[in-house]
C-alpha atoms as a PDB file:
ATOM      1  CA  MET A   1      25.400  -4.228   0.268  1.00  0.00           C
ATOM      2  CA  SER A   2      23.156  -7.101   0.836  1.00  0.00           C
ATOM      3  CA  ILE A   3      19.838  -8.000  -0.858  1.00  0.00           C
ATOM      4  CA  LEU A   4      18.041  -6.994   2.495  1.00  0.00           C
ATOM      5  CA  ASP A   5      19.246  -3.458   2.123  1.00  0.00           C
ATOM      6  CA  TRP A   6      16.998  -2.870  -0.865  1.00  0.00           C
ATOM      7  CA  ILE A   7      14.088  -4.985  -0.045  1.00  0.00           C
ATOM      8  CA  ASP A   8      11.203  -3.090   1.802  1.00  0.00           C
ATOM      9  CA  VAL A   9       8.947  -5.495   3.486  1.00  0.00           C
ATOM     10  CA  GLY A  10       6.869  -2.808   5.218  1.00  0.00           C
ATOM     11  CA  LYS A  11       6.042  -1.779   8.782  1.00  0.00           C
ATOM     12  CA  VAL A  12       5.727  -4.295  11.535  1.00  0.00           C
ATOM     13  CA  ALA A  13       2.106  -3.284  12.175  1.00  0.00           C
ATOM     14  CA  ALA A  14      -0.195  -3.212   9.108  1.00  0.00           C
ATOM     15  CA  GLU A  15      -2.158  -0.152  10.423  1.00  0.00           C
ATOM     16  CA  ARG A  16       1.105   1.878  10.203  1.00  0.00           C
ATOM     17  CA  ASP A  17       2.073   0.832   6.725  1.00  0.00           C
ATOM     18  CA  GLU A  18       1.151   3.303   4.112  1.00  0.00           C
ATOM     19  CA  ASN A  19       2.174   0.915   1.289  1.00  0.00           C
ATOM     20  CA  LEU A  20      -0.034  -1.956   2.491  1.00  0.00           C
ATOM     21  CA  LYS A  21      -2.422  -1.671  -0.540  1.00  0.00           C
ATOM     22  CA  TYR A  22       0.469  -2.485  -2.820  1.00  0.00           C
ATOM     23  CA  TYR A  23       1.088  -5.885  -1.102  1.00  0.00           C
ATOM     24  CA  PHE A  24      -1.948  -7.722  -2.207  1.00  0.00           C
ATOM     25  CA  PHE A  25      -2.603  -9.399  -5.427  1.00  0.00           C
ATOM     26  CA  ASP A  26      -6.304 -10.296  -5.506  1.00  0.00           C
ATOM     27  CA  THR A  27      -7.484 -13.154  -7.694  1.00  0.00           C
ATOM     28  CA  GLY A  28     -11.220 -12.417  -7.127  1.00  0.00           C
ATOM     29  CA  ILE A  29     -11.337 -14.166  -3.784  1.00  0.00           C
ATOM     30  CA  SER A  30     -12.123 -10.791  -1.870  1.00  0.00           C
ATOM     31  CA  LYS A  31     -15.225 -10.313  -3.793  1.00  0.00           C
ATOM     32  CA  LYS A  32     -16.349 -13.857  -3.125  1.00  0.00           C
ATOM     33  CA  ILE A  33     -15.765 -13.520   0.643  1.00  0.00           C
ATOM     34  CA  ILE A  34     -17.615 -10.139   0.739  1.00  0.00           C
ATOM     35  CA  ASP A  35     -20.585 -11.474  -1.251  1.00  0.00           C
ATOM     36  CA  ASN A  36     -21.060 -14.667   0.972  1.00  0.00           C
ATOM     37  CA  PRO A  37     -23.570 -13.874   3.677  1.00  0.00           C
ATOM     38  CA  ASN A  38     -22.066 -16.636   5.897  1.00  0.00           C
ATOM     39  CA  MET A  39     -18.809 -14.765   6.166  1.00  0.00           C
ATOM     40  CA  PHE A  40     -18.949 -11.853   8.392  1.00  0.00           C
ATOM     41  CA  LEU A  41     -16.243 -12.348  10.974  1.00  0.00           C
ATOM     42  CA  MET A  42     -12.506 -12.696  10.797  1.00  0.00           C
ATOM     43  CA  LEU A  43     -10.606 -14.342  13.591  1.00  0.00           C
ATOM     44  CA  GLY A  44      -6.981 -15.094  14.001  1.00  0.00           C
ATOM     45  CA  ARG A  45      -4.138 -15.140  16.427  1.00  0.00           C
ATOM     46  CA  LYS A  46      -2.114 -11.833  16.941  1.00  0.00           C
ATOM     47  CA  GLY A  47       0.144 -11.259  13.935  1.00  0.00           C
ATOM     48  CA  ALA A  48      -1.854 -13.427  11.585  1.00  0.00           C
ATOM     49  CA  GLY A  49      -2.721 -10.572   9.281  1.00  0.00           C
ATOM     50  CA  LYS A  50      -6.367  -9.803  10.211  1.00  0.00           C
ATOM     51  CA  THR A  51      -5.748  -6.029  10.169  1.00  0.00           C
ATOM     52  CA  ALA A  52      -3.864  -6.218   6.850  1.00  0.00           C
ATOM     53  CA  VAL A  53      -6.681  -8.159   5.262  1.00  0.00           C
ATOM     54  CA  PHE A  54      -9.288  -5.700   6.691  1.00  0.00           C
ATOM     55  CA  LEU A  55      -7.522  -2.684   5.419  1.00  0.00           C
ATOM     56  CA  HIS A  56      -7.073  -4.327   2.037  1.00  0.00           C
ATOM     57  CA  LEU A  57     -10.757  -5.002   1.815  1.00  0.00           C
ATOM     58  CA  VAL A  58     -11.853  -1.381   2.954  1.00  0.00           C
ATOM     59  CA  SER A  59      -9.312   0.299   0.736  1.00  0.00           C
ATOM     60  CA  ASN A  60     -11.116  -1.413  -2.323  1.00  0.00           C
ATOM     61  CA  LYS A  61     -14.549   0.303  -2.245  1.00  0.00           C
ATOM     62  CA  GLN A  62     -15.567  -1.156  -5.603  1.00  0.00           C
ATOM     63  CA  LEU A  63     -15.840  -4.644  -3.776  1.00  0.00           C
ATOM     64  CA  PHE A  64     -18.789  -3.387  -1.771  1.00  0.00           C
ATOM     65  CA  LYS A  65     -22.407  -2.320  -2.530  1.00  0.00           C
ATOM     66  CA  ALA A  66     -23.514   1.228  -1.817  1.00  0.00           C
ATOM     67  CA  THR A  67     -25.697  -0.169   1.011  1.00  0.00           C
ATOM     68  CA  ASP A  68     -22.814  -2.134   2.727  1.00  0.00           C
ATOM     69  CA  ILE A  69     -21.757  -1.014   6.201  1.00  0.00           C
ATOM     70  CA  VAL A  70     -18.028  -1.906   7.022  1.00  0.00           C
ATOM     71  CA  PHE A  71     -16.554  -1.232  10.376  1.00  0.00           C
ATOM     72  CA  SER A  72     -13.737  -2.443  12.553  1.00  0.00           C
ATOM     73  CA  LEU A  73     -14.532  -3.844  16.125  1.00  0.00           C
ATOM     74  CA  SER A  74     -12.159  -3.371  19.078  1.00  0.00           C
ATOM     75  CA  LEU A  75     -11.967  -6.059  21.869  1.00  0.00           C
ATOM     76  CA  ASN A  76     -10.556  -3.461  24.367  1.00  0.00           C
ATOM     77  CA  ASN A  77     -13.811  -3.633  26.435  1.00  0.00           C
ATOM     78  CA  TYR A  78     -14.736  -7.261  25.521  1.00  0.00           C
ATOM     79  CA  SER A  79     -15.973  -9.446  28.393  1.00  0.00           C
ATOM     80  CA  TRP A  80     -13.210 -12.147  28.451  1.00  0.00           C
ATOM     81  CA  ASN A  81     -14.645 -13.673  31.674  1.00  0.00           C
ATOM     82  CA  ALA A  82     -17.896 -14.437  29.896  1.00  0.00           C
ATOM     83  CA  HIS A  83     -15.843 -15.682  26.894  1.00  0.00           C
ATOM     84  CA  ALA A  84     -13.889 -18.098  29.054  1.00  0.00           C
ATOM     85  CA  LEU A  85     -17.182 -19.619  30.315  1.00  0.00           C
ATOM     86  CA  LEU A  86     -18.146 -20.462  26.773  1.00  0.00           C
ATOM     87  CA  LYS A  87     -14.884 -22.315  26.274  1.00  0.00           C
ATOM     88  CA  ARG A  88     -15.473 -25.912  24.923  1.00  0.00           C
ATOM     89  CA  ASP A  89     -12.809 -28.124  26.726  1.00  0.00           C
ATOM     90  CA  GLU A  90     -13.603 -31.193  24.624  1.00  0.00           C
ATOM     91  CA  LYS A  91     -12.281 -29.334  21.505  1.00  0.00           C
ATOM     92  CA  ALA A  92      -8.609 -28.910  20.556  1.00  0.00           C
ATOM     93  CA  GLU A  93      -7.079 -25.695  22.056  1.00  0.00           C
ATOM     94  CA  THR A  94      -7.011 -23.935  18.731  1.00  0.00           C
ATOM     95  CA  PHE A  95     -10.813 -24.464  18.395  1.00  0.00           C
ATOM     96  CA  SER A  96     -11.877 -24.290  21.988  1.00  0.00           C
ATOM     97  CA  PHE A  97     -13.157 -20.646  21.786  1.00  0.00           C
ATOM     98  CA  ARG A  98     -14.539 -20.759  18.271  1.00  0.00           C
ATOM     99  CA  ASP A  99     -18.135 -21.338  19.165  1.00  0.00           C
ATOM    100  CA  SER A 100     -18.143 -18.541  21.602  1.00  0.00           C
ATOM    101  CA  TRP A 101     -17.507 -16.082  18.862  1.00  0.00           C
END
């Protein structure tokens, strides 16, 4: 028996992992992020953990005010052609689309 036989690292996709809420240790940064009016959009590459962080936040209702509205957006119907027109070629590839968001 190897060590990997008894370590459970969860599901591949965060939205399918029922134990996700147990994987986070919050040092108070979640509340700081939520209370900051300049932070309202989370971006990242596929697999970066955006869904995991979102699910962590929404599973902790005490972080939000009663008047807060929290929802997930889908990019399934997003206009990628318009997005490409806003690309800034003078910026590094990793930042070239940031302004369009």
